[in-house]
Full PDB file with SEQRES, HELIX, SHEET, SSBOND, CRYST1, ORIGX, SCALE, CONECT and MASTER records, all heavy atoms in Angstrom:
SEQRES   1 A   40  LEU PHE ASP GLU GLU TRP LEU ASP TRP VAL GLY PRO GLU          
SEQRES   2 A   40  PRO GLN HIS TRP PRO GLN ARG ALA CYS ILE GLY ALA THR          
SEQRES   3 A   40  LEU ALA ASP GLY SER LEU VAL GLU ILE ALA VAL LEU ALA          
SEQRES   4 A   40  LEU                                                          
HELIX    1 AA1 PHE A    2  VAL A   10  1                                   9    
HELIX    2 AA2 PRO A   14  HIS A   16  5                                   3    
CRYST1    1.000    1.000    1.000  90.00  90.00  90.00 P 1           1          
ORIGX1      1.000000  0.000000  0.000000        0.00000                         
ORIGX2      0.000000  1.000000  0.000000        0.00000                         
ORIGX3      0.000000  0.000000  1.000000        0.00000                         
SCALE1      1.000000  0.000000  0.000000        0.00000                         
SCALE2      0.000000  1.000000  0.000000        0.00000                         
SCALE3      0.000000  0.000000  1.000000        0.00000                         
ATOM      1  N   LEU A   1       0.835  -1.197   0.000  1.00  0.00           N  
ATOM      2  CA  LEU A   1       0.000   0.000   0.000  1.00  0.00           C  
ATOM      3  C   LEU A   1       0.879   1.259   0.000  1.00  0.00           C  
ATOM      4  O   LEU A   1       0.621   2.205  -0.738  1.00  0.00           O  
ATOM      5  CB  LEU A   1      -0.930  -0.002   1.220  1.00  0.00           C  
ATOM      6  CG  LEU A   1      -1.885   1.171   1.365  1.00  0.00           C  
ATOM      7  CD1 LEU A   1      -2.798   1.299   0.158  1.00  0.00           C  
ATOM      8  CD2 LEU A   1      -2.710   0.993   2.636  1.00  0.00           C  
ATOM      9  N   PHE A   2       1.934   1.240   0.820  1.00  0.00           N  
ATOM     10  CA  PHE A   2       2.870   2.367   0.823  1.00  0.00           C  
ATOM     11  C   PHE A   2       3.501   2.533  -0.557  1.00  0.00           C  
ATOM     12  O   PHE A   2       3.625   3.653  -1.053  1.00  0.00           O  
ATOM     13  CB  PHE A   2       3.967   2.177   1.880  1.00  0.00           C  
ATOM     14  CG  PHE A   2       5.000   3.263   1.798  1.00  0.00           C  
ATOM     15  CD1 PHE A   2       4.773   4.488   2.396  1.00  0.00           C  
ATOM     16  CD2 PHE A   2       6.171   3.080   1.082  1.00  0.00           C  
ATOM     17  CE1 PHE A   2       5.698   5.519   2.278  1.00  0.00           C  
ATOM     18  CE2 PHE A   2       7.106   4.091   0.960  1.00  0.00           C  
ATOM     19  CZ  PHE A   2       6.866   5.324   1.568  1.00  0.00           C  
ATOM     20  N   ASP A   3       3.914   1.426  -1.178  1.00  0.00           N  
ATOM     21  CA  ASP A   3       4.568   1.496  -2.492  1.00  0.00           C  
ATOM     22  C   ASP A   3       3.667   2.179  -3.528  1.00  0.00           C  
ATOM     23  O   ASP A   3       4.153   2.941  -4.363  1.00  0.00           O  
ATOM     24  CB  ASP A   3       4.951   0.099  -2.983  1.00  0.00           C  
ATOM     25  CG  ASP A   3       6.133  -0.491  -2.226  1.00  0.00           C  
ATOM     26  OD1 ASP A   3       6.881   0.272  -1.572  1.00  0.00           O  
ATOM     27  OD2 ASP A   3       6.296  -1.724  -2.286  1.00  0.00           O  
ATOM     28  N   GLU A   4       2.361   1.924  -3.486  1.00  0.00           N  
ATOM     29  CA  GLU A   4       1.431   2.580  -4.415  1.00  0.00           C  
ATOM     30  C   GLU A   4       1.459   4.094  -4.217  1.00  0.00           C  
ATOM     31  O   GLU A   4       1.523   4.857  -5.192  1.00  0.00           O  
ATOM     32  CB  GLU A   4       0.007   2.074  -4.198  1.00  0.00           C  
ATOM     33  CG  GLU A   4      -0.235   0.668  -4.672  1.00  0.00           C  
ATOM     34  CD  GLU A   4      -1.661   0.218  -4.384  1.00  0.00           C  
ATOM     35  OE1 GLU A   4      -2.587   1.066  -4.398  1.00  0.00           O  
ATOM     36  OE2 GLU A   4      -1.853  -0.983  -4.138  1.00  0.00           O  
ATOM     37  N   GLU A   5       1.403   4.528  -2.957  1.00  0.00           N  
ATOM     38  CA  GLU A   5       1.434   5.965  -2.659  1.00  0.00           C  
ATOM     39  C   GLU A   5       2.778   6.564  -3.058  1.00  0.00           C  
ATOM     40  O   GLU A   5       2.838   7.675  -3.590  1.00  0.00           O  
ATOM     41  CB  GLU A   5       1.159   6.215  -1.172  1.00  0.00           C  
ATOM     42  CG  GLU A   5      -0.244   5.851  -0.742  1.00  0.00           C  
ATOM     43  CD  GLU A   5      -1.318   6.684  -1.436  1.00  0.00           C  
ATOM     44  OE1 GLU A   5      -1.139   7.909  -1.562  1.00  0.00           O  
ATOM     45  OE2 GLU A   5      -2.336   6.110  -1.847  1.00  0.00           O  
ATOM     46  N   TRP A   6       3.855   5.835  -2.796  1.00  0.00           N  
ATOM     47  CA  TRP A   6       5.204   6.302  -3.140  1.00  0.00           C  
ATOM     48  C   TRP A   6       5.321   6.540  -4.645  1.00  0.00           C  
ATOM     49  O   TRP A   6       5.787   7.579  -5.092  1.00  0.00           O  
ATOM     50  CB  TRP A   6       6.230   5.279  -2.666  1.00  0.00           C  
ATOM     51  CG  TRP A   6       7.636   5.596  -3.076  1.00  0.00           C  
ATOM     52  CD1 TRP A   6       8.291   5.130  -4.180  1.00  0.00           C  
ATOM     53  CD2 TRP A   6       8.550   6.475  -2.407  1.00  0.00           C  
ATOM     54  NE1 TRP A   6       9.565   5.651  -4.231  1.00  0.00           N  
ATOM     55  CE2 TRP A   6       9.748   6.477  -3.151  1.00  0.00           C  
ATOM     56  CE3 TRP A   6       8.481   7.239  -1.256  1.00  0.00           C  
ATOM     57  CZ2 TRP A   6      10.857   7.222  -2.787  1.00  0.00           C  
ATOM     58  CZ3 TRP A   6       9.594   7.976  -0.891  1.00  0.00           C  
ATOM     59  CH2 TRP A   6      10.764   7.961  -1.648  1.00  0.00           C  
ATOM     60  N   LEU A   7       4.886   5.557  -5.433  1.00  0.00           N  
ATOM     61  CA  LEU A   7       4.986   5.685  -6.889  1.00  0.00           C  
ATOM     62  C   LEU A   7       4.166   6.861  -7.407  1.00  0.00           C  
ATOM     63  O   LEU A   7       4.588   7.562  -8.336  1.00  0.00           O  
ATOM     64  CB  LEU A   7       4.560   4.387  -7.569  1.00  0.00           C  
ATOM     65  CG  LEU A   7       5.553   3.238  -7.437  1.00  0.00           C  
ATOM     66  CD1 LEU A   7       4.947   1.946  -7.966  1.00  0.00           C  
ATOM     67  CD2 LEU A   7       6.860   3.562  -8.139  1.00  0.00           C  
ATOM     68  N   ASP A   8       3.017   7.079  -6.814  1.00  0.00           N  
ATOM     69  CA  ASP A   8       2.201   8.224  -7.200  1.00  0.00           C  
ATOM     70  C   ASP A   8       2.934   9.528  -6.871  1.00  0.00           C  
ATOM     71  O   ASP A   8       2.904  10.476  -7.640  1.00  0.00           O  
ATOM     72  CB  ASP A   8       0.847   8.164  -6.494  1.00  0.00           C  
ATOM     73  CG  ASP A   8      -0.098   9.254  -6.963  1.00  0.00           C  
ATOM     74  OD1 ASP A   8      -0.284   9.397  -8.186  1.00  0.00           O  
ATOM     75  OD2 ASP A   8      -0.641   9.974  -6.104  1.00  0.00           O  
ATOM     76  N   TRP A   9       3.614   9.576  -5.713  1.00  0.00           N  
ATOM     77  CA  TRP A   9       4.290  10.792  -5.264  1.00  0.00           C  
ATOM     78  C   TRP A   9       5.570  11.083  -6.050  1.00  0.00           C  
ATOM     79  O   TRP A   9       5.808  12.211  -6.466  1.00  0.00           O  
ATOM     80  CB  TRP A   9       4.602  10.711  -3.767  1.00  0.00           C  
ATOM     81  CG  TRP A   9       5.128  11.984  -3.186  1.00  0.00           C  
ATOM     82  CD1 TRP A   9       4.484  13.183  -3.106  1.00  0.00           C  
ATOM     83  CD2 TRP A   9       6.406  12.180  -2.578  1.00  0.00           C  
ATOM     84  NE1 TRP A   9       5.284  14.122  -2.491  1.00  0.00           N  
ATOM     85  CE2 TRP A   9       6.472  13.524  -2.150  1.00  0.00           C  
ATOM     86  CE3 TRP A   9       7.499  11.354  -2.353  1.00  0.00           C  
ATOM     87  CZ2 TRP A   9       7.586  14.054  -1.516  1.00  0.00           C  
ATOM     88  CZ3 TRP A   9       8.598  11.883  -1.714  1.00  0.00           C  
ATOM     89  CH2 TRP A   9       8.646  13.223  -1.294  1.00  0.00           C  
ATOM     90  N   VAL A  10       6.396  10.084  -6.267  1.00  0.00           N  
ATOM     91  CA  VAL A  10       7.663  10.338  -6.970  1.00  0.00           C  
ATOM     92  C   VAL A  10       7.462  10.538  -8.462  1.00  0.00           C  
ATOM     93  O   VAL A  10       8.318  11.115  -9.125  1.00  0.00           O  
ATOM     94  CB  VAL A  10       8.750   9.257  -6.715  1.00  0.00           C  
ATOM     95  CG1 VAL A  10       9.157   9.227  -5.270  1.00  0.00           C  
ATOM     96  CG2 VAL A  10       8.322   7.895  -7.209  1.00  0.00           C  
ATOM     97  N   GLY A  11       6.349  10.071  -8.989  1.00  0.00           N  
ATOM     98  CA  GLY A  11       6.035  10.296 -10.392  1.00  0.00           C  
ATOM     99  C   GLY A  11       6.633   9.260 -11.320  1.00  0.00           C  
ATOM    100  O   GLY A  11       7.383   8.373 -10.904  1.00  0.00           O  
ATOM    101  N   PRO A  12       6.319   9.397 -12.608  1.00  0.00           N  
ATOM    102  CA  PRO A  12       6.684   8.374 -13.585  1.00  0.00           C  
ATOM    103  C   PRO A  12       8.104   8.480 -14.155  1.00  0.00           C  
ATOM    104  O   PRO A  12       8.535   7.586 -14.865  1.00  0.00           O  
ATOM    105  CB  PRO A  12       5.656   8.598 -14.701  1.00  0.00           C  
ATOM    106  CG  PRO A  12       5.383  10.069 -14.647  1.00  0.00           C  
ATOM    107  CD  PRO A  12       5.442  10.421 -13.173  1.00  0.00           C  
ATOM    108  N   GLU A  13       8.822   9.564 -13.836  1.00  0.00           N  
ATOM    109  CA  GLU A  13      10.142   9.777 -14.434  1.00  0.00           C  
ATOM    110  C   GLU A  13      11.242   9.100 -13.612  1.00  0.00           C  
ATOM    111  O   GLU A  13      11.550   9.539 -12.506  1.00  0.00           O  
ATOM    112  CB  GLU A  13      10.436  11.275 -14.540  1.00  0.00           C  
ATOM    113  CG  GLU A  13       9.436  12.042 -15.381  1.00  0.00           C  
ATOM    114  CD  GLU A  13       9.399  11.557 -16.820  1.00  0.00           C  
ATOM    115  OE1 GLU A  13      10.449  11.162 -17.356  1.00  0.00           O  
ATOM    116  OE2 GLU A  13       8.302  11.573 -17.408  1.00  0.00           O  
ATOM    117  N   PRO A  14      11.863   8.040 -14.133  1.00  0.00           N  
ATOM    118  CA  PRO A  14      12.900   7.325 -13.380  1.00  0.00           C  
ATOM    119  C   PRO A  14      14.055   8.208 -12.913  1.00  0.00           C  
ATOM    120  O   PRO A  14      14.661   7.931 -11.882  1.00  0.00           O  
ATOM    121  CB  PRO A  14      13.397   6.259 -14.365  1.00  0.00           C  
ATOM    122  CG  PRO A  14      12.247   6.037 -15.281  1.00  0.00           C  
ATOM    123  CD  PRO A  14      11.575   7.388 -15.412  1.00  0.00           C  
ATOM    124  N   GLN A  15      14.355   9.300 -13.624  1.00  0.00           N  
ATOM    125  CA  GLN A  15      15.458  10.153 -13.196  1.00  0.00           C  
ATOM    126  C   GLN A  15      15.131  10.891 -11.905  1.00  0.00           C  
ATOM    127  O   GLN A  15      16.015  11.490 -11.298  1.00  0.00           O  
ATOM    128  CB  GLN A  15      15.891  11.134 -14.300  1.00  0.00           C  
ATOM    129  CG  GLN A  15      14.876  12.190 -14.646  1.00  0.00           C  
ATOM    130  CD  GLN A  15      13.930  11.760 -15.766  1.00  0.00           C  
ATOM    131  OE1 GLN A  15      13.738  10.578 -16.012  1.00  0.00           O  
ATOM    132  NE2 GLN A  15      13.352  12.727 -16.443  1.00  0.00           N  
ATOM    133  N   HIS A  16      13.872  10.853 -11.445  1.00  0.00           N  
ATOM    134  CA  HIS A  16      13.489  11.482 -10.183  1.00  0.00           C  
ATOM    135  C   HIS A  16      13.317  10.457  -9.061  1.00  0.00           C  
ATOM    136  O   HIS A  16      12.915  10.817  -7.958  1.00  0.00           O  
ATOM    137  CB  HIS A  16      12.180  12.271 -10.346  1.00  0.00           C  
ATOM    138  CG  HIS A  16      12.294  13.395 -11.313  1.00  0.00           C  
ATOM    139  ND1 HIS A  16      11.221  13.916 -11.969  1.00  0.00           N  
ATOM    140  CD2 HIS A  16      13.364  14.100 -11.755  1.00  0.00           C  
ATOM    141  CE1 HIS A  16      11.606  14.880 -12.771  1.00  0.00           C  
ATOM    142  NE2 HIS A  16      12.910  15.004 -12.661  1.00  0.00           N  
ATOM    143  N   TRP A  17      13.578   9.198  -9.321  1.00  0.00           N  
ATOM    144  CA  TRP A  17      13.392   8.158  -8.313  1.00  0.00           C  
ATOM    145  C   TRP A  17      14.644   8.033  -7.449  1.00  0.00           C  
ATOM    146  O   TRP A  17      15.718   7.677  -7.932  1.00  0.00           O  
ATOM    147  CB  TRP A  17      13.109   6.817  -8.958  1.00  0.00           C  
ATOM    148  CG  TRP A  17      11.830   6.755  -9.739  1.00  0.00           C  
ATOM    149  CD1 TRP A  17      10.802   7.654  -9.726  1.00  0.00           C  
ATOM    150  CD2 TRP A  17      11.462   5.740 -10.658  1.00  0.00           C  
ATOM    151  NE1 TRP A  17       9.807   7.254 -10.580  1.00  0.00           N  
ATOM    152  CE2 TRP A  17      10.178   6.075 -11.171  1.00  0.00           C  
ATOM    153  CE3 TRP A  17      12.065   4.587 -11.102  1.00  0.00           C  
ATOM    154  CZ2 TRP A  17       9.509   5.285 -12.099  1.00  0.00           C  
ATOM    155  CZ3 TRP A  17      11.394   3.801 -12.031  1.00  0.00           C  
ATOM    156  CH2 TRP A  17      10.134   4.143 -12.508  1.00  0.00           C  
ATOM    157  N   PRO A  18      14.527   8.308  -6.163  1.00  0.00           N  
ATOM    158  CA  PRO A  18      15.697   8.169  -5.285  1.00  0.00           C  
ATOM    159  C   PRO A  18      15.947   6.714  -4.899  1.00  0.00           C  
ATOM    160  O   PRO A  18      15.077   5.853  -5.062  1.00  0.00           O  
ATOM    161  CB  PRO A  18      15.290   8.984  -4.053  1.00  0.00           C  
ATOM    162  CG  PRO A  18      13.807   8.887  -4.023  1.00  0.00           C  
ATOM    163  CD  PRO A  18      13.361   8.827  -5.460  1.00  0.00           C  
ATOM    164  N   GLN A  19      17.122   6.480  -4.384  1.00  0.00           N  
ATOM    165  CA  GLN A  19      17.404   5.200  -3.733  1.00  0.00           C  
ATOM    166  C   GLN A  19      16.518   5.184  -2.501  1.00  0.00           C  
ATOM    167  O   GLN A  19      16.316   6.209  -1.855  1.00  0.00           O  
ATOM    168  CB  GLN A  19      18.891   5.148  -3.368  1.00  0.00           C  
ATOM    169  CG  GLN A  19      19.300   4.000  -2.495  1.00  0.00           C  
ATOM    170  CD  GLN A  19      19.038   4.220  -1.025  1.00  0.00           C  
ATOM    171  OE1 GLN A  19      19.118   5.327  -0.525  1.00  0.00           O  
ATOM    172  NE2 GLN A  19      18.703   3.167  -0.325  1.00  0.00           N  
ATOM    173  N   ARG A  20      15.924   4.017  -2.160  1.00  0.00           N  
ATOM    174  CA  ARG A  20      15.009   3.968  -1.029  1.00  0.00           C  
ATOM    175  C   ARG A  20      15.168   2.666  -0.266  1.00  0.00           C  
ATOM    176  O   ARG A  20      15.303   1.603  -0.856  1.00  0.00           O  
ATOM    177  CB  ARG A  20      13.562   4.077  -1.523  1.00  0.00           C  
ATOM    178  CG  ARG A  20      12.561   4.249  -0.402  1.00  0.00           C  
ATOM    179  CD  ARG A  20      11.149   4.054  -0.894  1.00  0.00           C  
ATOM    180  NE  ARG A  20      10.782   2.647  -0.723  1.00  0.00           N  
ATOM    181  CZ  ARG A  20       9.643   2.128  -1.130  1.00  0.00           C  
ATOM    182  NH1 ARG A  20       8.751   2.861  -1.768  1.00  0.00           N  
ATOM    183  NH2 ARG A  20       9.382   0.861  -0.923  1.00  0.00           N  
ATOM    184  N   ALA A  21      15.139   2.773   1.054  1.00  0.00           N  
ATOM    185  CA  ALA A  21      15.094   1.600   1.925  1.00  0.00           C  
ATOM    186  C   ALA A  21      13.797   1.676   2.716  1.00  0.00           C  
ATOM    187  O   ALA A  21      13.369   2.757   3.112  1.00  0.00           O  
ATOM    188  CB  ALA A  21      16.282   1.597   2.879  1.00  0.00           C  
ATOM    189  N   CYS A  22      13.163   0.532   2.923  1.00  0.00           N  
ATOM    190  CA  CYS A  22      11.907   0.480   3.671  1.00  0.00           C  
ATOM    191  C   CYS A  22      12.073  -0.553   4.782  1.00  0.00           C  
ATOM    192  O   CYS A  22      12.410  -1.709   4.515  1.00  0.00           O  
ATOM    193  CB  CYS A  22      10.771   0.101   2.736  1.00  0.00           C  
ATOM    194  SG  CYS A  22       9.140   0.402   3.420  1.00  0.00           S  
ATOM    195  N   ILE A  23      11.844  -0.119   6.015  1.00  0.00           N  
ATOM    196  CA  ILE A  23      12.150  -0.924   7.187  1.00  0.00           C  
ATOM    197  C   ILE A  23      10.929  -1.016   8.094  1.00  0.00           C  
ATOM    198  O   ILE A  23      10.246  -0.016   8.307  1.00  0.00           O  
ATOM    199  CB  ILE A  23      13.313  -0.264   7.973  1.00  0.00           C  
ATOM    200  CG1 ILE A  23      14.531  -0.089   7.062  1.00  0.00           C  
ATOM    201  CG2 ILE A  23      13.645  -1.048   9.233  1.00  0.00           C  
ATOM    202  CD1 ILE A  23      15.503   0.956   7.535  1.00  0.00           C  
ATOM    203  N   GLY A  24      10.660  -2.180   8.638  1.00  0.00           N  
ATOM    204  CA  GLY A  24       9.624  -2.335   9.648  1.00  0.00           C  
ATOM    205  C   GLY A  24      10.190  -1.893  10.987  1.00  0.00           C  
ATOM    206  O   GLY A  24      11.326  -2.236  11.327  1.00  0.00           O  
ATOM    207  N   ALA A  25       9.432  -1.078  11.742  1.00  0.00           N  
ATOM    208  CA  ALA A  25       9.966  -0.533  12.990  1.00  0.00           C  
ATOM    209  C   ALA A  25       8.842  -0.229  13.975  1.00  0.00           C  
ATOM    210  O   ALA A  25       7.701  -0.014  13.586  1.00  0.00           O  
ATOM    211  CB  ALA A  25      10.732   0.757  12.708  1.00  0.00           C  
ATOM    212  N   THR A  26       9.212  -0.208  15.246  1.00  0.00           N  
ATOM    213  CA  THR A  26       8.300   0.269  16.275  1.00  0.00           C  
ATOM    214  C   THR A  26       8.410   1.790  16.292  1.00  0.00           C  
ATOM    215  O   THR A  26       9.481   2.332  16.543  1.00  0.00           O  
ATOM    216  CB  THR A  26       8.679  -0.310  17.657  1.00  0.00           C  
ATOM    217  OG1 THR A  26       8.649  -1.732  17.563  1.00  0.00           O  
ATOM    218  CG2 THR A  26       7.719   0.173  18.723  1.00  0.00           C  
ATOM    219  N   LEU A  27       7.305   2.469  15.997  1.00  0.00           N  
ATOM    220  CA  LEU A  27       7.296   3.930  15.938  1.00  0.00           C  
ATOM    221  C   LEU A  27       6.552   4.493  17.138  1.00  0.00           C  
ATOM    222  O   LEU A  27       5.872   3.768  17.860  1.00  0.00           O  
ATOM    223  CB  LEU A  27       6.634   4.395  14.632  1.00  0.00           C  
ATOM    224  CG  LEU A  27       7.316   3.917  13.344  1.00  0.00           C  
ATOM    225  CD1 LEU A  27       6.511   4.361  12.125  1.00  0.00           C  
ATOM    226  CD2 LEU A  27       8.739   4.422  13.254  1.00  0.00           C  
ATOM    227  N   ALA A  28       6.674   5.798  17.329  1.00  0.00           N  
ATOM    228  CA  ALA A  28       5.986   6.477  18.428  1.00  0.00           C  
ATOM    229  C   ALA A  28       4.483   6.242  18.317  1.00  0.00           C  
ATOM    230  O   ALA A  28       3.954   6.015  17.224  1.00  0.00           O  
ATOM    231  CB  ALA A  28       6.299   7.971  18.395  1.00  0.00           C  
ATOM    232  N   ASP A  29       3.797   6.324  19.443  1.00  0.00           N  
ATOM    233  CA  ASP A  29       2.360   6.067  19.498  1.00  0.00           C  
ATOM    234  C   ASP A  29       1.599   6.762  18.382  1.00  0.00           C  
ATOM    235  O   ASP A  29       1.713   7.968  18.203  1.00  0.00           O  
ATOM    236  CB  ASP A  29       1.789   6.517  20.839  1.00  0.00           C  
ATOM    237  CG  ASP A  29       2.157   5.576  21.977  1.00  0.00           C  
ATOM    238  OD1 ASP A  29       2.603   4.451  21.688  1.00  0.00           O  
ATOM    239  OD2 ASP A  29       1.999   5.977  23.139  1.00  0.00           O  
ATOM    240  N   GLY A  30       0.846   5.992  17.630  1.00  0.00           N  
ATOM    241  CA  GLY A  30       0.007   6.527  16.575  1.00  0.00           C  
ATOM    242  C   GLY A  30       0.689   6.703  15.237  1.00  0.00           C  
ATOM    243  O   GLY A  30       0.023   6.793  14.212  1.00  0.00           O  
ATOM    244  N   SER A  31       2.003   6.759  15.199  1.00  0.00           N  
ATOM    245  CA  SER A  31       2.722   6.928  13.930  1.00  0.00           C  
ATOM    246  C   SER A  31       2.749   5.608  13.178  1.00  0.00           C  
ATOM    247  O   SER A  31       3.121   4.579  13.734  1.00  0.00           O  
ATOM    248  CB  SER A  31       4.162   7.396  14.167  1.00  0.00           C  
ATOM    249  OG  SER A  31       4.191   8.733  14.579  1.00  0.00           O  
ATOM    250  N   LEU A  32       2.357   5.662  11.925  1.00  0.00           N  
ATOM    251  CA  LEU A  32       2.388   4.477  11.078  1.00  0.00           C  
ATOM    252  C   LEU A  32       3.530   4.514  10.076  1.00  0.00           C  
ATOM    253  O   LEU A  32       3.896   3.495   9.513  1.00  0.00           O  
ATOM    254  CB  LEU A  32       1.052   4.337  10.338  1.00  0.00           C  
ATOM    255  CG  LEU A  32      -0.184   4.244  11.230  1.00  0.00           C  
ATOM    256  CD1 LEU A  32      -1.455   4.176  10.384  1.00  0.00           C  
ATOM    257  CD2 LEU A  32      -0.085   3.054  12.163  1.00  0.00           C  
ATOM    258  N   VAL A  33       4.110   5.731   9.862  1.00  0.00           N  
ATOM    259  CA  VAL A  33       5.191   5.895   8.899  1.00  0.00           C  
ATOM    260  C   VAL A  33       6.068   7.069   9.327  1.00  0.00           C  
ATOM    261  O   VAL A  33       5.584   8.063   9.864  1.00  0.00           O  
ATOM    262  CB  VAL A  33       4.642   6.106   7.467  1.00  0.00           C  
ATOM    263  CG1 VAL A  33       3.783   7.349   7.381  1.00  0.00           C  
ATOM    264  CG2 VAL A  33       5.757   6.136   6.430  1.00  0.00           C  
ATOM    265  N   GLU A  34       7.356   6.924   9.090  1.00  0.00           N  
ATOM    266  CA  GLU A  34       8.314   8.012   9.247  1.00  0.00           C  
ATOM    267  C   GLU A  34       9.262   7.925   8.063  1.00  0.00           C  
ATOM    268  O   GLU A  34       9.662   6.836   7.653  1.00  0.00           O  
ATOM    269  CB  GLU A  34       9.089   7.903  10.552  1.00  0.00           C  
ATOM    270  CG  GLU A  34      10.045   9.046  10.782  1.00  0.00           C  
ATOM    271  CD  GLU A  34      10.617   9.107  12.195  1.00  0.00           C  
ATOM    272  OE1 GLU A  34      10.148   8.364  13.076  1.00  0.00           O  
ATOM    273  OE2 GLU A  34      11.540   9.909  12.398  1.00  0.00           O  
ATOM    274  N   ILE A  35       9.620   9.087   7.506  1.00  0.00           N  
ATOM    275  CA  ILE A  35      10.505   9.105   6.343  1.00  0.00           C  
ATOM    276  C   ILE A  35      11.604  10.140   6.568  1.00  0.00           C  
ATOM    277  O   ILE A  35      11.331  11.267   6.999  1.00  0.00           O  
ATOM    278  CB  ILE A  35       9.733   9.443   5.046  1.00  0.00           C  
ATOM    279  CG1 ILE A  35       8.622   8.424   4.808  1.00  0.00           C  
ATOM    280  CG2 ILE A  35      10.698   9.478   3.846  1.00  0.00           C  
ATOM    281  CD1 ILE A  35       7.738   8.731   3.610  1.00  0.00           C  
ATOM    282  N   ALA A  36      12.832   9.754   6.253  1.00  0.00           N  
ATOM    283  CA  ALA A  36      13.985  10.659   6.282  1.00  0.00           C  
ATOM    284  C   ALA A  36      14.576  10.689   4.876  1.00  0.00           C  
ATOM    285  O   ALA A  36      14.686   9.651   4.215  1.00  0.00           O  
ATOM    286  CB  ALA A  36      15.023  10.173   7.275  1.00  0.00           C  
ATOM    287  N   VAL A  37      14.943  11.898   4.416  1.00  0.00           N  
ATOM    288  CA  VAL A  37      15.504  12.023   3.078  1.00  0.00           C  
ATOM    289  C   VAL A  37      16.761  12.881   3.079  1.00  0.00           C  
ATOM    290  O   VAL A  37      16.949  13.743   3.940  1.00  0.00           O  
ATOM    291  CB  VAL A  37      14.489  12.623   2.069  1.00  0.00           C  
ATOM    292  CG1 VAL A  37      13.255  11.745   1.951  1.00  0.00           C  
ATOM    293  CG2 VAL A  37      14.113  14.045   2.412  1.00  0.00           C  
ATOM    294  N   LEU A  38      17.592  12.630   2.095  1.00  0.00           N  
ATOM    295  CA  LEU A  38      18.741  13.464   1.757  1.00  0.00           C  
ATOM    296  C   LEU A  38      18.503  13.939   0.329  1.00  0.00           C  
ATOM    297  O   LEU A  38      18.202  13.123  -0.553  1.00  0.00           O  
ATOM    298  CB  LEU A  38      20.043  12.661   1.824  1.00  0.00           C  
ATOM    299  CG  LEU A  38      21.278  13.295   1.173  1.00  0.00           C  
ATOM    300  CD1 LEU A  38      21.656  14.598   1.855  1.00  0.00           C  
ATOM    301  CD2 LEU A  38      22.436  12.320   1.171  1.00  0.00           C  
ATOM    302  N   ALA A  39      18.599  15.249   0.122  1.00  0.00           N  
ATOM    303  CA  ALA A  39      18.346  15.808  -1.205  1.00  0.00           C  
ATOM    304  C   ALA A  39      19.436  16.804  -1.588  1.00  0.00           C  
ATOM    305  O   ALA A  39      20.081  17.393  -0.722  1.00  0.00           O  
ATOM    306  CB  ALA A  39      16.987  16.497  -1.231  1.00  0.00           C  
ATOM    307  N   LEU A  40      19.604  16.984  -2.880  1.00  0.00           N  
ATOM    308  CA  LEU A  40      20.456  18.049  -3.393  1.00  0.00           C  
ATOM    309  C   LEU A  40      19.633  19.324  -3.435  1.00  0.00           C  
ATOM    310  O   LEU A  40      18.410  19.288  -3.585  1.00  0.00           O  
ATOM    311  CB  LEU A  40      20.958  17.732  -4.791  1.00  0.00           C  
ATOM    312  CG  LEU A  40      22.039  16.671  -4.874  1.00  0.00           C  
ATOM    313  CD1 LEU A  40      22.364  16.378  -6.330  1.00  0.00           C  
ATOM    314  CD2 LEU A  40      23.285  17.098  -4.120  1.00  0.00           C  
TER     315      LEU A  40                                                      
MASTER        0    0    0    2    0    0    0    6  314    1    0    4          
END                                                                             
């Protein structure tokens, strides 16, 4: 389900697709997702 949303967000152009790691984790109460990015 996350991958569907991700693909919609990053768009169809492969040159805009970042390297990505997806990890299962215990997050703070109520949080279902956390994302950290490095950008130019």
